[in-house]
Amino acid sequence: MVIPGLIAAALSLAPQTATQHDAHAQHRADMDHRGQQAMGFDQARIRHTFAAAERGGVIEIVAKDPKDSETVARVRGHLGFGT
């Protein structure tokens, strides 16, 4: 008898989960758009890594494809390193 109750509970949560997923996907898309506008490169083409450091923190930004010279140049430009 417990299993049918669990299935019913899971089914009753499914629409809410889908809605939350849609909201998260929209939030992510909005954040990526703002990031591209502010930083000048496609967020889907890079990877950010954040690490704590003794005097603050470190953010590493790398192009997912090392042969993507356009993204590499845009990241370097954003960070003030030029090309």
PDB file of N, CA and C in Angstrom:
ATOM      1  N   MET A   1       0.809  -1.201   0.000  1.00  0.00           N
ATOM      2  CA  MET A   1       0.000   0.000   0.000  1.00  0.00           C
ATOM      3  C   MET A   1       0.854   1.267   0.000  1.00  0.00           C
ATOM      4  N   VAL A   2       2.073   1.188   0.492  1.00  0.00           N
ATOM      5  CA  VAL A   2       2.927   2.360   0.549  1.00  0.00           C
ATOM      6  C   VAL A   2       3.354   2.790  -0.854  1.00  0.00           C
ATOM      7  N   ILE A   3       3.652   1.839  -1.712  1.00  0.00           N
ATOM      8  CA  ILE A   3       4.135   2.161  -3.052  1.00  0.00           C
ATOM      9  C   ILE A   3       3.115   2.979  -3.840  1.00  0.00           C
ATOM     10  N   PRO A   4       1.826   2.597  -3.899  1.00  0.00           N
ATOM     11  CA  PRO A   4       0.883   3.458  -4.626  1.00  0.00           C
ATOM     12  C   PRO A   4       0.850   4.880  -4.062  1.00  0.00           C
ATOM     13  N   GLY A   5       0.990   5.025  -2.756  1.00  0.00           N
ATOM     14  CA  GLY A   5       1.017   6.358  -2.158  1.00  0.00           C
ATOM     15  C   GLY A   5       2.230   7.156  -2.603  1.00  0.00           C
ATOM     16  N   LEU A   6       3.377   6.484  -2.697  1.00  0.00           N
ATOM     17  CA  LEU A   6       4.590   7.162  -3.156  1.00  0.00           C
ATOM     18  C   LEU A   6       4.476   7.573  -4.612  1.00  0.00           C
ATOM     19  N   ILE A   7       3.886   6.701  -5.419  1.00  0.00           N
ATOM     20  CA  ILE A   7       3.702   7.028  -6.837  1.00  0.00           C
ATOM     21  C   ILE A   7       2.763   8.216  -6.983  1.00  0.00           C
ATOM     22  N   ALA A   8       1.695   8.229  -6.226  1.00  0.00           N
ATOM     23  CA  ALA A   8       0.749   9.345  -6.283  1.00  0.00           C
ATOM     24  C   ALA A   8       1.428  10.635  -5.844  1.00  0.00           C
ATOM     25  N   ALA A   9       2.237  10.564  -4.802  1.00  0.00           N
ATOM     26  CA  ALA A   9       2.943  11.757  -4.331  1.00  0.00           C
ATOM     27  C   ALA A   9       3.923  12.246  -5.396  1.00  0.00           C
ATOM     28  N   ALA A  10       4.636  11.342  -6.034  1.00  0.00           N
ATOM     29  CA  ALA A  10       5.588  11.717  -7.071  1.00  0.00           C
ATOM     30  C   ALA A  10       4.866  12.339  -8.258  1.00  0.00           C
ATOM     31  N   LEU A  11       3.735  11.771  -8.649  1.00  0.00           N
ATOM     32  CA  LEU A  11       2.981  12.317  -9.772  1.00  0.00           C
ATOM     33  C   LEU A  11       2.416  13.693  -9.448  1.00  0.00           C
ATOM     34  N   SER A  12       2.026  13.896  -8.207  1.00  0.00           N
ATOM     35  CA  SER A  12       1.473  15.198  -7.852  1.00  0.00           C
ATOM     36  C   SER A  12       2.550  16.280  -7.860  1.00  0.00           C
ATOM     37  N   LEU A  13       3.816  15.908  -7.708  1.00  0.00           N
ATOM     38  CA  LEU A  13       4.904  16.870  -7.729  1.00  0.00           C
ATOM     39  C   LEU A  13       5.429  17.143  -9.136  1.00  0.00           C
ATOM     40  N   ALA A  14       5.129  16.274 -10.087  1.00  0.00           N
ATOM     41  CA  ALA A  14       5.690  16.400 -11.427  1.00  0.00           C
ATOM     42  C   ALA A  14       5.405  17.751 -12.081  1.00  0.00           C
ATOM     43  N   PRO A  15       4.179  18.276 -12.075  1.00  0.00           N
ATOM     44  CA  PRO A  15       3.965  19.577 -12.716  1.00  0.00           C
ATOM     45  C   PRO A  15       4.766  20.700 -12.052  1.00  0.00           C
ATOM     46  N   GLN A  16       4.877  20.681 -10.744  1.00  0.00           N
ATOM     47  CA  GLN A  16       5.643  21.702 -10.044  1.00  0.00           C
ATOM     48  C   GLN A  16       7.122  21.588 -10.415  1.00  0.00           C
ATOM     49  N   THR A  17       7.621  20.384 -10.493  1.00  0.00           N
ATOM     50  CA  THR A  17       9.017  20.184 -10.858  1.00  0.00           C
ATOM     51  C   THR A  17       9.277  20.693 -12.269  1.00  0.00           C
ATOM     52  N   ALA A  18       8.371  20.418 -13.198  1.00  0.00           N
ATOM     53  CA  ALA A  18       8.527  20.897 -14.576  1.00  0.00           C
ATOM     54  C   ALA A  18       8.513  22.423 -14.608  1.00  0.00           C
ATOM     55  N   THR A  19       7.648  23.030 -13.824  1.00  0.00           N
ATOM     56  CA  THR A  19       7.577  24.486 -13.761  1.00  0.00           C
ATOM     57  C   THR A  19       8.859  25.057 -13.184  1.00  0.00           C
ATOM     58  N   GLN A  20       9.359  24.422 -12.129  1.00  0.00           N
ATOM     59  CA  GLN A  20      10.612  24.881 -11.536  1.00  0.00           C
ATOM     60  C   GLN A  20      11.760  24.733 -12.526  1.00  0.00           C
ATOM     61  N   HIS A  21      11.744  23.635 -13.278  1.00  0.00           N
ATOM     62  CA  HIS A  21      12.776  23.417 -14.290  1.00  0.00           C
ATOM     63  C   HIS A  21      12.719  24.518 -15.344  1.00  0.00           C
ATOM     64  N   ASP A  22      11.523  24.845 -15.800  1.00  0.00           N
ATOM     65  CA  ASP A  22      11.358  25.909 -16.796  1.00  0.00           C
ATOM     66  C   ASP A  22      11.854  27.246 -16.251  1.00  0.00           C
ATOM     67  N   ALA A  23      11.534  27.538 -14.995  1.00  0.00           N
ATOM     68  CA  ALA A  23      11.969  28.790 -14.374  1.00  0.00           C
ATOM     69  C   ALA A  23      13.489  28.821 -14.267  1.00  0.00           C
ATOM     70  N   HIS A  24      14.089  27.688 -13.889  1.00  0.00           N
ATOM     71  CA  HIS A  24      15.546  27.617 -13.791  1.00  0.00           C
ATOM     72  C   HIS A  24      16.184  27.787 -15.169  1.00  0.00           C
ATOM     73  N   ALA A  25      15.614  27.137 -16.177  1.00  0.00           N
ATOM     74  CA  ALA A  25      16.151  27.246 -17.534  1.00  0.00           C
ATOM     75  C   ALA A  25      16.072  28.691 -18.027  1.00  0.00           C
ATOM     76  N   GLN A  26      14.979  29.378 -17.731  1.00  0.00           N
ATOM     77  CA  GLN A  26      14.832  30.769 -18.146  1.00  0.00           C
ATOM     78  C   GLN A  26      15.829  31.655 -17.397  1.00  0.00           C
ATOM     79  N   HIS A  27      15.989  31.401 -16.096  1.00  0.00           N
ATOM     80  CA  HIS A  27      16.952  32.164 -15.305  1.00  0.00           C
ATOM     81  C   HIS A  27      18.359  31.984 -15.876  1.00  0.00           C
ATOM     82  N   ARG A  28      18.713  30.754 -16.206  1.00  0.00           N
ATOM     83  CA  ARG A  28      20.035  30.462 -16.764  1.00  0.00           C
ATOM     84  C   ARG A  28      20.226  31.168 -18.105  1.00  0.00           C
ATOM     85  N   ALA A  29      19.193  31.127 -18.963  1.00  0.00           N
ATOM     86  CA  ALA A  29      19.276  31.792 -20.269  1.00  0.00           C
ATOM     87  C   ALA A  29      19.443  33.302 -20.096  1.00  0.00           C
ATOM     88  N   ASP A  30      18.698  33.888 -19.154  1.00  0.00           N
ATOM     89  CA  ASP A  30      18.815  35.326 -18.886  1.00  0.00           C
ATOM     90  C   ASP A  30      20.209  35.670 -18.369  1.00  0.00           C
ATOM     91  N   MET A  31      20.731  34.839 -17.468  1.00  0.00           N
ATOM     92  CA  MET A  31      22.059  35.062 -16.904  1.00  0.00           C
ATOM     93  C   MET A  31      23.130  34.946 -18.001  1.00  0.00           C
ATOM     94  N   ASP A  32      23.012  33.955 -18.869  1.00  0.00           N
ATOM     95  CA  ASP A  32      23.971  33.794 -19.961  1.00  0.00           C
ATOM     96  C   ASP A  32      23.933  35.000 -20.894  1.00  0.00           C
ATOM     97  N   HIS A  33      22.723  35.497 -21.170  1.00  0.00           N
ATOM     98  CA  HIS A  33      22.579  36.668 -22.043  1.00  0.00           C
ATOM     99  C   HIS A  33      23.258  37.892 -21.423  1.00  0.00           C
ATOM    100  N   ARG A  34      22.999  38.114 -20.133  1.00  0.00           N
ATOM    101  CA  ARG A  34      23.640  39.244 -19.447  1.00  0.00           C
ATOM    102  C   ARG A  34      25.160  39.077 -19.423  1.00  0.00           C
ATOM    103  N   GLY A  35      25.621  37.857 -19.199  1.00  0.00           N
ATOM    104  CA  GLY A  35      27.060  37.594 -19.198  1.00  0.00           C
ATOM    105  C   GLY A  35      27.693  37.886 -20.543  1.00  0.00           C
ATOM    106  N   GLN A  36      27.003  37.473 -21.608  1.00  0.00           N
ATOM    107  CA  GLN A  36      27.535  37.722 -22.951  1.00  0.00           C
ATOM    108  C   GLN A  36      27.582  39.223 -23.223  1.00  0.00           C
ATOM    109  N   GLN A  37      26.557  39.942 -22.800  1.00  0.00           N
ATOM    110  CA  GLN A  37      26.522  41.393 -23.006  1.00  0.00           C
ATOM    111  C   GLN A  37      27.650  42.070 -22.220  1.00  0.00           C
ATOM    112  N   ALA A  38      27.834  41.675 -20.970  1.00  0.00           N
ATOM    113  CA  ALA A  38      28.819  42.325 -20.104  1.00  0.00           C
ATOM    114  C   ALA A  38      30.250  41.928 -20.443  1.00  0.00           C
ATOM    115  N   MET A  39      30.456  40.659 -20.804  1.00  0.00           N
ATOM    116  CA  MET A  39      31.818  40.165 -20.994  1.00  0.00           C
ATOM    117  C   MET A  39      32.240  40.093 -22.451  1.00  0.00           C
ATOM    118  N   GLY A  40      31.275  40.066 -23.362  1.00  0.00           N
ATOM    119  CA  GLY A  40      31.612  40.078 -24.780  1.00  0.00           C
ATOM    120  C   GLY A  40      31.911  38.728 -25.397  1.00  0.00           C
ATOM    121  N   PHE A  41      31.562  37.645 -24.710  1.00  0.00           N
ATOM    122  CA  PHE A  41      31.759  36.320 -25.304  1.00  0.00           C
ATOM    123  C   PHE A  41      30.628  35.398 -24.890  1.00  0.00           C
ATOM    124  N   ASP A  42      30.399  34.372 -25.715  1.00  0.00           N
ATOM    125  CA  ASP A  42      29.313  33.416 -25.519  1.00  0.00           C
ATOM    126  C   ASP A  42      29.599  32.540 -24.304  1.00  0.00           C
ATOM    127  N   GLN A  43      28.730  32.616 -23.319  1.00  0.00           N
ATOM    128  CA  GLN A  43      28.911  31.862 -22.077  1.00  0.00           C
ATOM    129  C   GLN A  43      28.899  30.352 -22.300  1.00  0.00           C
ATOM    130  N   ALA A  44      28.242  29.887 -23.346  1.00  0.00           N
ATOM    131  CA  ALA A  44      28.192  28.455 -23.633  1.00  0.00           C
ATOM    132  C   ALA A  44      29.519  27.936 -24.177  1.00  0.00           C
ATOM    133  N   ARG A  45      30.398  28.851 -24.605  1.00  0.00           N
ATOM    134  CA  ARG A  45      31.666  28.448 -25.195  1.00  0.00           C
ATOM    135  C   ARG A  45      32.834  28.498 -24.209  1.00  0.00           C
ATOM    136  N   ILE A  46      32.540  28.869 -22.953  1.00  0.00           N
ATOM    137  CA  ILE A  46      33.604  28.977 -21.960  1.00  0.00           C
ATOM    138  C   ILE A  46      33.248  28.197 -20.704  1.00  0.00           C
ATOM    139  N   ARG A  47      34.249  28.040 -19.851  1.00  0.00           N
ATOM    140  CA  ARG A  47      34.032  27.421 -18.542  1.00  0.00           C
ATOM    141  C   ARG A  47      34.647  28.340 -17.495  1.00  0.00           C
ATOM    142  N   HIS A  48      33.861  28.671 -16.481  1.00  0.00           N
ATOM    143  CA  HIS A  48      34.354  29.454 -15.347  1.00  0.00           C
ATOM    144  C   HIS A  48      34.696  28.476 -14.219  1.00  0.00           C
ATOM    145  N   THR A  49      35.817  28.696 -13.565  1.00  0.00           N
ATOM    146  CA  THR A  49      36.162  27.941 -12.367  1.00  0.00           C
ATOM    147  C   THR A  49      36.475  28.957 -11.272  1.00  0.00           C
ATOM    148  N   PHE A  50      35.849  28.802 -10.133  1.00  0.00           N
ATOM    149  CA  PHE A  50      36.043  29.709  -9.005  1.00  0.00           C
ATOM    150  C   PHE A  50      36.766  28.970  -7.884  1.00  0.00           C
ATOM    151  N   ALA A  51      37.741  29.607  -7.274  1.00  0.00           N
ATOM    152  CA  ALA A  51      38.483  28.993  -6.169  1.00  0.00           C
ATOM    153  C   ALA A  51      38.804  30.057  -5.124  1.00  0.00           C
ATOM    154  N   ALA A  52      38.680  29.663  -3.868  1.00  0.00           N
ATOM    155  CA  ALA A  52      39.072  30.552  -2.778  1.00  0.00           C
ATOM    156  C   ALA A  52      40.592  30.616  -2.729  1.00  0.00           C
ATOM    157  N   ALA A  53      41.096  31.777  -2.353  1.00  0.00           N
ATOM    158  CA  ALA A  53      42.537  31.964  -2.205  1.00  0.00           C
ATOM    159  C   ALA A  53      42.783  32.709  -0.896  1.00  0.00           C
ATOM    160  N   GLU A  54      44.007  32.667  -0.431  1.00  0.00           N
ATOM    161  CA  GLU A  54      44.339  33.290   0.847  1.00  0.00           C
ATOM    162  C   GLU A  54      43.959  34.772   0.884  1.00  0.00           C
ATOM    163  N   ARG A  55      44.149  35.470  -0.231  1.00  0.00           N
ATOM    164  CA  ARG A  55      43.866  36.905  -0.266  1.00  0.00           C
ATOM    165  C   ARG A  55      42.573  37.221  -1.013  1.00  0.00           C
ATOM    166  N   GLY A  56      41.695  36.280  -1.171  1.00  0.00           N
ATOM    167  CA  GLY A  56      40.431  36.526  -1.871  1.00  0.00           C
ATOM    168  C   GLY A  56      40.010  35.310  -2.657  1.00  0.00           C
ATOM    169  N   GLY A  57      40.040  35.424  -3.978  1.00  0.00           N
ATOM    170  CA  GLY A  57      39.632  34.311  -4.808  1.00  0.00           C
ATOM    171  C   GLY A  57      40.217  34.415  -6.195  1.00  0.00           C
ATOM    172  N   VAL A  58      40.056  33.339  -6.945  1.00  0.00           N
ATOM    173  CA  VAL A  58      40.578  33.253  -8.299  1.00  0.00           C
ATOM    174  C   VAL A  58      39.440  32.780  -9.196  1.00  0.00           C
ATOM    175  N   ILE A  59      39.298  33.454 -10.340  1.00  0.00           N
ATOM    176  CA  ILE A  59      38.336  33.023 -11.350  1.00  0.00           C
ATOM    177  C   ILE A  59      39.133  32.672 -12.599  1.00  0.00           C
ATOM    178  N   GLU A  60      38.976  31.441 -13.056  1.00  0.00           N
ATOM    179  CA  GLU A  60      39.630  31.005 -14.287  1.00  0.00           C
ATOM    180  C   GLU A  60      38.549  30.914 -15.357  1.00  0.00           C
ATOM    181  N   ILE A  61      38.819  31.524 -16.515  1.00  0.00           N
ATOM    182  CA  ILE A  61      37.895  31.459 -17.643  1.00  0.00           C
ATOM    183  C   ILE A  61      38.650  30.837 -18.805  1.00  0.00           C
ATOM    184  N   VAL A  62      38.177  29.714 -19.305  1.00  0.00           N
ATOM    185  CA  VAL A  62      38.832  29.055 -20.436  1.00  0.00           C
ATOM    186  C   VAL A  62      37.807  28.722 -21.502  1.00  0.00           C
ATOM    187  N   ALA A  63      38.254  28.797 -22.743  1.00  0.00           N
ATOM    188  CA  ALA A  63      37.410  28.369 -23.851  1.00  0.00           C
ATOM    189  C   ALA A  63      37.297  26.850 -23.801  1.00  0.00           C
ATOM    190  N   LYS A  64      36.098  26.335 -23.979  1.00  0.00           N
ATOM    191  CA  LYS A  64      35.913  24.883 -23.969  1.00  0.00           C
ATOM    192  C   LYS A  64      36.691  24.231 -25.105  1.00  0.00           C
ATOM    193  N   ASP A  65      36.773  24.922 -26.239  1.00  0.00           N
ATOM    194  CA  ASP A  65      37.532  24.431 -27.383  1.00  0.00           C
ATOM    195  C   ASP A  65      38.796  25.279 -27.504  1.00  0.00           C
ATOM    196  N   PRO A  66      39.959  24.723 -27.206  1.00  0.00           N
ATOM    197  CA  PRO A  66      41.187  25.518 -27.259  1.00  0.00           C
ATOM    198  C   PRO A  66      41.494  26.069 -28.651  1.00  0.00           C
ATOM    199  N   LYS A  67      40.883  25.519 -29.681  1.00  0.00           N
ATOM    200  CA  LYS A  67      41.085  26.019 -31.052  1.00  0.00           C
ATOM    201  C   LYS A  67      40.127  27.156 -31.396  1.00  0.00           C
ATOM    202  N   ASP A  68      39.239  27.505 -30.467  1.00  0.00           N
ATOM    203  CA  ASP A  68      38.270  28.592 -30.674  1.00  0.00           C
ATOM    204  C   ASP A  68      38.970  29.918 -30.427  1.00  0.00           C
ATOM    205  N   SER A  69      39.757  30.359 -31.409  1.00  0.00           N
ATOM    206  CA  SER A  69      40.586  31.551 -31.237  1.00  0.00           C
ATOM    207  C   SER A  69      39.763  32.813 -31.010  1.00  0.00           C
ATOM    208  N   GLU A  70      38.568  32.882 -31.561  1.00  0.00           N
ATOM    209  CA  GLU A  70      37.723  34.064 -31.351  1.00  0.00           C
ATOM    210  C   GLU A  70      37.341  34.196 -29.874  1.00  0.00           C
ATOM    211  N   THR A  71      36.889  33.102 -29.275  1.00  0.00           N
ATOM    212  CA  THR A  71      36.507  33.143 -27.861  1.00  0.00           C
ATOM    213  C   THR A  71      37.721  33.404 -26.984  1.00  0.00           C
ATOM    214  N   VAL A  72      38.850  32.764 -27.286  1.00  0.00           N
ATOM    215  CA  VAL A  72      40.079  32.994 -26.509  1.00  0.00           C
ATOM    216  C   VAL A  72      40.444  34.478 -26.559  1.00  0.00           C
ATOM    217  N   ALA A  73      40.386  35.077 -27.741  1.00  0.00           N
ATOM    218  CA  ALA A  73      40.724  36.503 -27.884  1.00  0.00           C
ATOM    219  C   ALA A  73      39.739  37.375 -27.113  1.00  0.00           C
ATOM    220  N   ARG A  74      38.459  37.045 -27.153  1.00  0.00           N
ATOM    221  CA  ARG A  74      37.462  37.841 -26.433  1.00  0.00           C
ATOM    222  C   ARG A  74      37.651  37.734 -24.914  1.00  0.00           C
ATOM    223  N   VAL A  75      37.959  36.538 -24.434  1.00  0.00           N
ATOM    224  CA  VAL A  75      38.212  36.358 -22.993  1.00  0.00           C
ATOM    225  C   VAL A  75      39.451  37.164 -22.606  1.00  0.00           C
ATOM    226  N   ARG A  76      40.520  37.056 -23.368  1.00  0.00           N
ATOM    227  CA  ARG A  76      41.735  37.802 -23.056  1.00  0.00           C
ATOM    228  C   ARG A  76      41.475  39.307 -23.075  1.00  0.00           C
ATOM    229  N   GLY A  77      40.692  39.769 -24.038  1.00  0.00           N
ATOM    230  CA  GLY A  77      40.345  41.181 -24.105  1.00  0.00           C
ATOM    231  C   GLY A  77      39.529  41.614 -22.890  1.00  0.00           C
ATOM    232  N   HIS A  78      38.585  40.796 -22.479  1.00  0.00           N
ATOM    233  CA  HIS A  78      37.755  41.113 -21.310  1.00  0.00           C
ATOM    234  C   HIS A  78      38.616  41.224 -20.061  1.00  0.00           C
ATOM    235  N   LEU A  79      39.627  40.375 -19.964  1.00  0.00           N
ATOM    236  CA  LEU A  79      40.483  40.376 -18.786  1.00  0.00           C
ATOM    237  C   LEU A  79      41.616  41.410 -18.862  1.00  0.00           C
ATOM    238  N   GLY A  80      41.680  42.130 -19.993  1.00  0.00           N
ATOM    239  CA  GLY A  80      42.673  43.167 -20.120  1.00  0.00           C
ATOM    240  C   GLY A  80      44.033  42.692 -20.600  1.00  0.00           C
ATOM    241  N   PHE A  81      44.085  41.501 -21.188  1.00  0.00           N
ATOM    242  CA  PHE A  81      45.350  40.954 -21.660  1.00  0.00           C
ATOM    243  C   PHE A  81      45.576  41.186 -23.151  1.00  0.00           C
ATOM    244  N   GLY A  82      44.601  41.690 -23.860  1.00  0.00           N
ATOM    245  CA  GLY A  82      44.724  41.854 -25.301  1.00  0.00           C
ATOM    246  C   GLY A  82      44.748  40.502 -25.975  1.00  0.00           C
ATOM    247  N   THR A  83      45.254  40.446 -27.161  1.00  0.00           N
ATOM    248  CA  THR A  83      45.277  39.174 -27.894  1.00  0.00           C
ATOM    249  C   THR A  83      46.681  38.631 -28.029  1.00  0.00           C
TER     250      THR A  83
END
